[in-house]
PDB file of N, CA and C in Angstrom:
ATOM      1  N   MET A   1      63.655  99.364  82.225  1.00  0.00           N
ATOM      2  CA  MET A   1      63.299 100.713  81.837  1.00  0.00           C
ATOM      3  C   MET A   1      61.809 100.784  81.555  1.00  0.00           C
ATOM      4  N   SER A   2      61.276 101.915  81.876  1.00  0.00           N
ATOM      5  CA  SER A   2      59.849 102.071  81.607  1.00  0.00           C
ATOM      6  C   SER A   2      59.635 102.442  80.144  1.00  0.00           C
ATOM      7  N   THR A   3      58.453 102.199  79.678  1.00  0.00           N
ATOM      8  CA  THR A   3      58.105 102.469  78.282  1.00  0.00           C
ATOM      9  C   THR A   3      58.198 103.962  77.983  1.00  0.00           C
ATOM     10  N   GLY A   4      57.784 104.797  78.915  1.00  0.00           N
ATOM     11  CA  GLY A   4      57.835 106.248  78.713  1.00  0.00           C
ATOM     12  C   GLY A   4      59.263 106.737  78.533  1.00  0.00           C
ATOM     13  N   LEU A   5      60.198 106.189  79.307  1.00  0.00           N
ATOM     14  CA  LEU A   5      61.594 106.584  79.201  1.00  0.00           C
ATOM     15  C   LEU A   5      62.178 106.145  77.865  1.00  0.00           C
ATOM     16  N   ILE A   6      61.816 104.958  77.420  1.00  0.00           N
ATOM     17  CA  ILE A   6      62.290 104.457  76.132  1.00  0.00           C
ATOM     18  C   ILE A   6      61.772 105.344  74.998  1.00  0.00           C
ATOM     19  N   VAL A   7      60.514 105.726  75.059  1.00  0.00           N
ATOM     20  CA  VAL A   7      59.924 106.592  74.038  1.00  0.00           C
ATOM     21  C   VAL A   7      60.608 107.955  74.057  1.00  0.00           C
ATOM     22  N   LEU A   8      60.871 108.474  75.254  1.00  0.00           N
ATOM     23  CA  LEU A   8      61.527 109.769  75.386  1.00  0.00           C
ATOM     24  C   LEU A   8      62.938 109.744  74.797  1.00  0.00           C
ATOM     25  N   VAL A   9      63.704 108.730  75.120  1.00  0.00           N
ATOM     26  CA  VAL A   9      65.069 108.614  74.614  1.00  0.00           C
ATOM     27  C   VAL A   9      65.055 108.439  73.097  1.00  0.00           C
ATOM     28  N   THR A  10      64.150 107.626  72.599  1.00  0.00           N
ATOM     29  CA  THR A  10      64.042 107.403  71.159  1.00  0.00           C
ATOM     30  C   THR A  10      63.654 108.699  70.451  1.00  0.00           C
ATOM     31  N   THR A  11      62.687 109.418  71.008  1.00  0.00           N
ATOM     32  CA  THR A  11      62.250 110.683  70.411  1.00  0.00           C
ATOM     33  C   THR A  11      63.383 111.696  70.398  1.00  0.00           C
ATOM     34  N   CYS A  12      64.127 111.787  71.486  1.00  0.00           N
ATOM     35  CA  CYS A  12      65.269 112.713  71.540  1.00  0.00           C
ATOM     36  C   CYS A  12      66.320 112.332  70.499  1.00  0.00           C
ATOM     37  N   GLY A  13      66.571 111.065  70.347  1.00  0.00           N
ATOM     38  CA  GLY A  13      67.540 110.616  69.349  1.00  0.00           C
ATOM     39  C   GLY A  13      67.095 110.945  67.937  1.00  0.00           C
ATOM     40  N   ILE A  14      65.821 110.729  67.659  1.00  0.00           N
ATOM     41  CA  ILE A  14      65.298 111.029  66.322  1.00  0.00           C
ATOM     42  C   ILE A  14      65.348 112.532  66.055  1.00  0.00           C
ATOM     43  N   LEU A  15      64.953 113.345  67.041  1.00  0.00           N
ATOM     44  CA  LEU A  15      64.984 114.798  66.875  1.00  0.00           C
ATOM     45  C   LEU A  15      66.415 115.296  66.700  1.00  0.00           C
ATOM     46  N   THR A  16      67.350 114.724  67.437  1.00  0.00           N
ATOM     47  CA  THR A  16      68.754 115.114  67.291  1.00  0.00           C
ATOM     48  C   THR A  16      69.267 114.767  65.905  1.00  0.00           C
ATOM     49  N   ALA A  17      68.965 113.571  65.439  1.00  0.00           N
ATOM     50  CA  ALA A  17      69.403 113.160  64.107  1.00  0.00           C
ATOM     51  C   ALA A  17      68.782 114.051  63.033  1.00  0.00           C
ATOM     52  N   PHE A  18      67.506 114.396  63.187  1.00  0.00           N
ATOM     53  CA  PHE A  18      66.839 115.263  62.229  1.00  0.00           C
ATOM     54  C   PHE A  18      67.458 116.663  62.241  1.00  0.00           C
ATOM     55  N   GLY A  19      67.773 117.168  63.446  1.00  0.00           N
ATOM     56  CA  GLY A  19      68.416 118.481  63.565  1.00  0.00           C
ATOM     57  C   GLY A  19      69.779 118.499  62.892  1.00  0.00           C
ATOM     58  N   ILE A  20      70.551 117.434  63.081  1.00  0.00           N
ATOM     59  CA  ILE A  20      71.862 117.327  62.438  1.00  0.00           C
ATOM     60  C   ILE A  20      71.697 117.267  60.920  1.00  0.00           C
ATOM     61  N   PHE A  21      70.709 116.502  60.472  1.00  0.00           N
ATOM     62  CA  PHE A  21      70.425 116.406  59.038  1.00  0.00           C
ATOM     63  C   PHE A  21      70.100 117.778  58.455  1.00  0.00           C
ATOM     64  N   LEU A  22      69.244 118.544  59.143  1.00  0.00           N
ATOM     65  CA  LEU A  22      68.888 119.883  58.673  1.00  0.00           C
ATOM     66  C   LEU A  22      70.101 120.812  58.656  1.00  0.00           C
ATOM     67  N   MET A  23      70.910 120.777  59.700  1.00  0.00           N
ATOM     68  CA  MET A  23      72.091 121.638  59.769  1.00  0.00           C
ATOM     69  C   MET A  23      73.084 121.308  58.660  1.00  0.00           C
ATOM     70  N   LEU A  24      73.289 120.029  58.392  1.00  0.00           N
ATOM     71  CA  LEU A  24      74.189 119.646  57.311  1.00  0.00           C
ATOM     72  C   LEU A  24      73.660 120.123  55.961  1.00  0.00           C
ATOM     73  N   GLY A  25      72.347 120.057  55.770  1.00  0.00           N
ATOM     74  CA  GLY A  25      71.749 120.551  54.533  1.00  0.00           C
ATOM     75  C   GLY A  25      71.934 122.054  54.374  1.00  0.00           C
ATOM     76  N   VAL A  26      71.750 122.788  55.470  1.00  0.00           N
ATOM     77  CA  VAL A  26      71.922 124.244  55.426  1.00  0.00           C
ATOM     78  C   VAL A  26      73.376 124.585  55.141  1.00  0.00           C
ATOM     79  N   LEU A  27      74.296 123.923  55.820  1.00  0.00           N
ATOM     80  CA  LEU A  27      75.718 124.184  55.587  1.00  0.00           C
ATOM     81  C   LEU A  27      76.116 123.850  54.154  1.00  0.00           C
ATOM     82  N   ARG A  28      75.569 122.775  53.627  1.00  0.00           N
ATOM     83  CA  ARG A  28      75.860 122.395  52.243  1.00  0.00           C
ATOM     84  C   ARG A  28      75.344 123.447  51.275  1.00  0.00           C
ATOM     85  N   GLN A  29      74.132 123.941  51.507  1.00  0.00           N
ATOM     86  CA  GLN A  29      73.565 124.967  50.634  1.00  0.00           C
ATOM     87  C   GLN A  29      74.366 126.265  50.716  1.00  0.00           C
ATOM     88  N   LEU A  30      74.813 126.637  51.911  1.00  0.00           N
ATOM     89  CA  LEU A  30      75.617 127.849  52.051  1.00  0.00           C
ATOM     90  C   LEU A  30      76.942 127.709  51.309  1.00  0.00           C
ATOM     91  N   ALA A  31      77.556 126.548  51.417  1.00  0.00           N
ATOM     92  CA  ALA A  31      78.818 126.322  50.713  1.00  0.00           C
ATOM     93  C   ALA A  31      78.591 126.341  49.204  1.00  0.00           C
ATOM     94  N   LEU A  32      77.484 125.762  48.759  1.00  0.00           N
ATOM     95  CA  LEU A  32      77.163 125.749  47.337  1.00  0.00           C
ATOM     96  C   LEU A  32      76.894 127.159  46.837  1.00  0.00           C
ATOM     97  N   MET A  33      76.203 127.963  47.646  1.00  0.00           N
ATOM     98  CA  MET A  33      75.924 129.342  47.276  1.00  0.00           C
ATOM     99  C   MET A  33      77.221 130.147  47.188  1.00  0.00           C
ATOM    100  N   GLN A  34      78.119 129.945  48.137  1.00  0.00           N
ATOM    101  CA  GLN A  34      79.389 130.654  48.116  1.00  0.00           C
ATOM    102  C   GLN A  34      80.198 130.246  46.897  1.00  0.00           C
ATOM    103  N   TRP A  35      80.172 128.959  46.565  1.00  0.00           N
ATOM    104  CA  TRP A  35      80.886 128.487  45.385  1.00  0.00           C
ATOM    105  C   TRP A  35      80.325 129.135  44.130  1.00  0.00           C
ATOM    106  N   ARG A  36      78.988 129.234  44.035  1.00  0.00           N
ATOM    107  CA  ARG A  36      78.364 129.855  42.868  1.00  0.00           C
ATOM    108  C   ARG A  36      78.734 131.332  42.774  1.00  0.00           C
ATOM    109  N   LEU A  37      78.746 132.028  43.901  1.00  0.00           N
ATOM    110  CA  LEU A  37      79.141 133.438  43.897  1.00  0.00           C
ATOM    111  C   LEU A  37      80.591 133.597  43.461  1.00  0.00           C
ATOM    112  N   ASP A  38      81.452 132.714  43.933  1.00  0.00           N
ATOM    113  CA  ASP A  38      82.858 132.762  43.520  1.00  0.00           C
ATOM    114  C   ASP A  38      82.986 132.520  42.016  1.00  0.00           C
ATOM    115  N   GLN A  39      82.231 131.573  41.496  1.00  0.00           N
ATOM    116  CA  GLN A  39      82.279 131.286  40.069  1.00  0.00           C
ATOM    117  C   GLN A  39      81.749 132.464  39.269  1.00  0.00           C
ATOM    118  N   LEU A  40      80.678 133.092  39.751  1.00  0.00           N
ATOM    119  CA  LEU A  40      80.116 134.240  39.066  1.00  0.00           C
ATOM    120  C   LEU A  40      81.108 135.393  39.049  1.00  0.00           C
ATOM    121  N   ALA A  41      81.786 135.623  40.158  1.00  0.00           N
ATOM    122  CA  ALA A  41      82.783 136.698  40.206  1.00  0.00           C
ATOM    123  C   ALA A  41      83.952 136.399  39.274  1.00  0.00           C
ATOM    124  N   ALA A  42      84.273 135.131  39.116  1.00  0.00           N
ATOM    125  CA  ALA A  42      85.411 134.761  38.278  1.00  0.00           C
ATOM    126  C   ALA A  42      85.115 134.957  36.787  1.00  0.00           C
ATOM    127  N   VAL A  43      83.860 134.800  36.382  1.00  0.00           N
ATOM    128  CA  VAL A  43      83.545 134.890  34.961  1.00  0.00           C
ATOM    129  C   VAL A  43      82.906 136.217  34.566  1.00  0.00           C
ATOM    130  N   THR A  44      82.560 137.063  35.543  1.00  0.00           N
ATOM    131  CA  THR A  44      81.963 138.355  35.233  1.00  0.00           C
ATOM    132  C   THR A  44      83.052 139.310  34.763  1.00  0.00           C
ATOM    133  N   PRO A  45      82.871 139.911  33.596  1.00  0.00           N
ATOM    134  CA  PRO A  45      83.900 140.831  33.122  1.00  0.00           C
ATOM    135  C   PRO A  45      84.001 142.050  34.029  1.00  0.00           C
ATOM    136  N   SER A  46      85.218 142.476  34.275  1.00  0.00           N
ATOM    137  CA  SER A  46      85.449 143.638  35.121  1.00  0.00           C
ATOM    138  C   SER A  46      85.156 144.904  34.329  1.00  0.00           C
ATOM    139  N   LYS A  47      84.449 145.816  34.962  1.00  0.00           N
ATOM    140  CA  LYS A  47      84.163 147.100  34.324  1.00  0.00           C
ATOM    141  C   LYS A  47      85.366 148.014  34.499  1.00  0.00           C
ATOM    142  N   THR A  48      85.427 149.092  33.748  1.00  0.00           N
ATOM    143  CA  THR A  48      86.546 150.019  33.807  1.00  0.00           C
ATOM    144  C   THR A  48      86.729 150.536  35.225  1.00  0.00           C
ATOM    145  N   ASN A  49      87.944 150.420  35.711  1.00  0.00           N
ATOM    146  CA  ASN A  49      88.309 150.899  37.048  1.00  0.00           C
ATOM    147  C   ASN A  49      87.398 150.341  38.133  1.00  0.00           C
ATOM    148  N   ARG A  50      86.869 149.149  37.943  1.00  0.00           N
ATOM    149  CA  ARG A  50      85.936 148.567  38.907  1.00  0.00           C
ATOM    150  C   ARG A  50      86.619 148.300  40.243  1.00  0.00           C
ATOM    151  N   SER A  51      87.921 148.108  40.222  1.00  0.00           N
ATOM    152  CA  SER A  51      88.630 147.839  41.465  1.00  0.00           C
ATOM    153  C   SER A  51      88.894 149.117  42.248  1.00  0.00           C
ATOM    154  N   GLY A  52      88.554 150.263  41.677  1.00  0.00           N
ATOM    155  CA  GLY A  52      88.694 151.528  42.387  1.00  0.00           C
ATOM    156  C   GLY A  52      90.010 152.220  42.087  1.00  0.00           C
ATOM    157  N   LEU A  53      90.099 153.425  42.579  1.00  0.00           N
ATOM    158  CA  LEU A  53      91.317 154.210  42.408  1.00  0.00           C
ATOM    159  C   LEU A  53      92.208 154.024  43.623  1.00  0.00           C
ATOM    160  N   LYS A  54      93.468 154.177  43.422  1.00  0.00           N
ATOM    161  CA  LYS A  54      94.404 154.129  44.535  1.00  0.00           C
ATOM    162  C   LYS A  54      94.263 155.413  45.341  1.00  0.00           C
ATOM    163  N   VAL A  55      94.576 155.352  46.614  1.00  0.00           N
ATOM    164  CA  VAL A  55      94.488 156.513  47.485  1.00  0.00           C
ATOM    165  C   VAL A  55      95.383 157.618  46.938  1.00  0.00           C
ATOM    166  N   GLY A  56      94.834 158.805  46.811  1.00  0.00           N
ATOM    167  CA  GLY A  56      95.583 159.944  46.315  1.00  0.00           C
ATOM    168  C   GLY A  56      95.522 160.121  44.814  1.00  0.00           C
ATOM    169  N   ALA A  57      94.955 159.141  44.092  1.00  0.00           N
ATOM    170  CA  ALA A  57      94.860 159.250  42.634  1.00  0.00           C
ATOM    171  C   ALA A  57      93.758 160.243  42.264  1.00  0.00           C
ATOM    172  N   THR A  58      93.931 160.929  41.152  1.00  0.00           N
ATOM    173  CA  THR A  58      92.932 161.884  40.673  1.00  0.00           C
ATOM    174  C   THR A  58      91.807 161.141  39.970  1.00  0.00           C
ATOM    175  N   ALA A  59      90.586 161.419  40.402  1.00  0.00           N
ATOM    176  CA  ALA A  59      89.419 160.782  39.787  1.00  0.00           C
ATOM    177  C   ALA A  59      89.110 161.464  38.460  1.00  0.00           C
ATOM    178  N   PRO A  60      88.593 160.739  37.492  1.00  0.00           N
ATOM    179  CA  PRO A  60      88.213 161.364  36.225  1.00  0.00           C
ATOM    180  C   PRO A  60      87.044 162.327  36.442  1.00  0.00           C
ATOM    181  N   ASP A  61      87.048 163.419  35.699  1.00  0.00           N
ATOM    182  CA  ASP A  61      85.985 164.403  35.841  1.00  0.00           C
ATOM    183  C   ASP A  61      84.683 163.858  35.254  1.00  0.00           C
ATOM    184  N   PHE A  62      83.578 164.165  35.918  1.00  0.00           N
ATOM    185  CA  PHE A  62      82.259 163.787  35.420  1.00  0.00           C
ATOM    186  C   PHE A  62      81.252 164.788  35.958  1.00  0.00           C
ATOM    187  N   GLU A  63      80.051 164.740  35.430  1.00  0.00           N
ATOM    188  CA  GLU A  63      78.995 165.633  35.900  1.00  0.00           C
ATOM    189  C   GLU A  63      77.711 164.850  36.087  1.00  0.00           C
ATOM    190  N   LEU A  64      76.951 165.274  37.101  1.00  0.00           N
ATOM    191  CA  LEU A  64      75.677 164.642  37.428  1.00  0.00           C
ATOM    192  C   LEU A  64      74.708 165.715  37.904  1.00  0.00           C
ATOM    193  N   PRO A  65      73.408 165.473  37.765  1.00  0.00           N
ATOM    194  CA  PRO A  65      72.455 166.447  38.282  1.00  0.00           C
ATOM    195  C   PRO A  65      72.309 166.302  39.803  1.00  0.00           C
ATOM    196  N   ASP A  66      72.156 167.446  40.485  1.00  0.00           N
ATOM    197  CA  ASP A  66      71.893 167.404  41.918  1.00  0.00           C
ATOM    198  C   ASP A  66      70.377 167.279  42.120  1.00  0.00           C
ATOM    199  N   PRO A  67      69.894 167.158  43.357  1.00  0.00           N
ATOM    200  CA  PRO A  67      68.449 166.997  43.585  1.00  0.00           C
ATOM    201  C   PRO A  67      67.607 168.154  43.032  1.00  0.00           C
ATOM    202  N   ASP A  68      68.205 169.343  42.874  1.00  0.00           N
ATOM    203  CA  ASP A  68      67.465 170.487  42.337  1.00  0.00           C
ATOM    204  C   ASP A  68      67.515 170.550  40.818  1.00  0.00           C
ATOM    205  N   GLY A  69      68.230 169.632  40.184  1.00  0.00           N
ATOM    206  CA  GLY A  69      68.319 169.598  38.735  1.00  0.00           C
ATOM    207  C   GLY A  69      69.512 170.347  38.161  1.00  0.00           C
ATOM    208  N   LYS A  70      70.301 171.021  39.008  1.00  0.00           N
ATOM    209  CA  LYS A  70      71.495 171.721  38.528  1.00  0.00           C
ATOM    210  C   LYS A  70      72.605 170.702  38.265  1.00  0.00           C
ATOM    211  N   THR A  71      73.428 170.978  37.276  1.00  0.00           N
ATOM    212  CA  THR A  71      74.538 170.090  36.950  1.00  0.00           C
ATOM    213  C   THR A  71      75.730 170.402  37.853  1.00  0.00           C
ATOM    214  N   ILE A  72      76.239 169.374  38.469  1.00  0.00           N
ATOM    215  CA  ILE A  72      77.407 169.486  39.346  1.00  0.00           C
ATOM    216  C   ILE A  72      78.539 168.700  38.707  1.00  0.00           C
ATOM    217  N   ARG A  73      79.704 169.301  38.620  1.00  0.00           N
ATOM    218  CA  ARG A  73      80.879 168.625  38.068  1.00  0.00           C
ATOM    219  C   ARG A  73      81.866 168.346  39.193  1.00  0.00           C
ATOM    220  N   LEU A  74      82.573 167.269  39.059  1.00  0.00           N
ATOM    221  CA  LEU A  74      83.573 166.922  40.070  1.00  0.00           C
ATOM    222  C   LEU A  74      84.656 167.992  40.155  1.00  0.00           C
ATOM    223  N   CYS A  75      85.015 168.581  39.025  1.00  0.00           N
ATOM    224  CA  CYS A  75      86.076 169.591  39.047  1.00  0.00           C
ATOM    225  C   CYS A  75      85.683 170.822  39.867  1.00  0.00           C
ATOM    226  N   ASN A  76      84.377 170.998  40.161  1.00  0.00           N
ATOM    227  CA  ASN A  76      83.941 172.107  41.019  1.00  0.00           C
ATOM    228  C   ASN A  76      84.482 171.962  42.438  1.00  0.00           C
ATOM    229  N   PHE A  77      84.899 170.754  42.803  1.00  0.00           N
ATOM    230  CA  PHE A  77      85.376 170.481  44.154  1.00  0.00           C
ATOM    231  C   PHE A  77      86.890 170.328  44.201  1.00  0.00           C
ATOM    232  N   ALA A  78      87.591 170.892  43.214  1.00  0.00           N
ATOM    233  CA  ALA A  78      89.054 170.796  43.165  1.00  0.00           C
ATOM    234  C   ALA A  78      89.654 171.398  44.425  1.00  0.00           C
ATOM    235  N   ASP A  79      90.743 170.827  44.878  1.00  0.00           N
ATOM    236  CA  ASP A  79      91.478 171.258  46.078  1.00  0.00           C
ATOM    237  C   ASP A  79      90.673 171.078  47.360  1.00  0.00           C
ATOM    238  N   ARG A  80      89.660 170.244  47.336  1.00  0.00           N
ATOM    239  CA  ARG A  80      88.908 169.899  48.539  1.00  0.00           C
ATOM    240  C   ARG A  80      88.859 168.378  48.644  1.00  0.00           C
ATOM    241  N   SER A  81      88.762 167.900  49.863  1.00  0.00           N
ATOM    242  CA  SER A  81      88.611 166.455  50.059  1.00  0.00           C
ATOM    243  C   SER A  81      87.182 166.066  49.713  1.00  0.00           C
ATOM    244  N   VAL A  82      87.046 165.027  48.905  1.00  0.00           N
ATOM    245  CA  VAL A  82      85.730 164.578  48.468  1.00  0.00           C
ATOM    246  C   VAL A  82      85.662 163.060  48.628  1.00  0.00           C
ATOM    247  N   LEU A  83      84.565 162.579  49.172  1.00  0.00           N
ATOM    248  CA  LEU A  83      84.330 161.147  49.272  1.00  0.00           C
ATOM    249  C   LEU A  83      83.275 160.796  48.225  1.00  0.00           C
ATOM    250  N   LEU A  84      83.657 159.977  47.260  1.00  0.00           N
ATOM    251  CA  LEU A  84      82.722 159.555  46.217  1.00  0.00           C
ATOM    252  C   LEU A  84      82.208 158.164  46.559  1.00  0.00           C
ATOM    253  N   VAL A  85      80.905 158.015  46.544  1.00  0.00           N
ATOM    254  CA  VAL A  85      80.277 156.728  46.789  1.00  0.00           C
ATOM    255  C   VAL A  85      79.394 156.415  45.590  1.00  0.00           C
ATOM    256  N   PHE A  86      79.740 155.383  44.853  1.00  0.00           N
ATOM    257  CA  PHE A  86      78.967 154.975  43.688  1.00  0.00           C
ATOM    258  C   PHE A  86      78.074 153.814  44.078  1.00  0.00           C
ATOM    259  N   THR A  87      76.820 153.898  43.725  1.00  0.00           N
ATOM    260  CA  THR A  87      75.893 152.811  43.997  1.00  0.00           C
ATOM    261  C   THR A  87      75.173 152.444  42.712  1.00  0.00           C
ATOM    262  N   GLN A  88      74.608 151.278  42.698  1.00  0.00           N
ATOM    263  CA  GLN A  88      73.816 150.832  41.564  1.00  0.00           C
ATOM    264  C   GLN A  88      72.415 150.593  42.078  1.00  0.00           C
ATOM    265  N   PRO A  89      71.490 151.523  41.821  1.00  0.00           N
ATOM    266  CA  PRO A  89      70.136 151.358  42.350  1.00  0.00           C
ATOM    267  C   PRO A  89      69.437 150.156  41.723  1.00  0.00           C
ATOM    268  N   GLY A  90      68.528 149.608  42.498  1.00  0.00           N
ATOM    269  CA  GLY A  90      67.710 148.522  41.966  1.00  0.00           C
ATOM    270  C   GLY A  90      67.968 147.235  42.547  1.00  0.00           C
TER     271      GLY A  90
END
């Protein structure tokens, strides 16, 4: 075998091993992150009705300001289909 071929094969082997090493590290970190998220979800106290309402259940009445500053109450939309989306800004 020529020296160039030996160097090429050796370099490819080293790069492959390094790539596998990096991939295993990334997979390990992802699994560790998922485990931490699972642990955090397990110990975080659930807020009131955090799991949501069942389909067809009546939502509790509340009021919020609209973009113009007027107060809007949920009961203003009685007998109409309403999709409520709650977000936590920030």
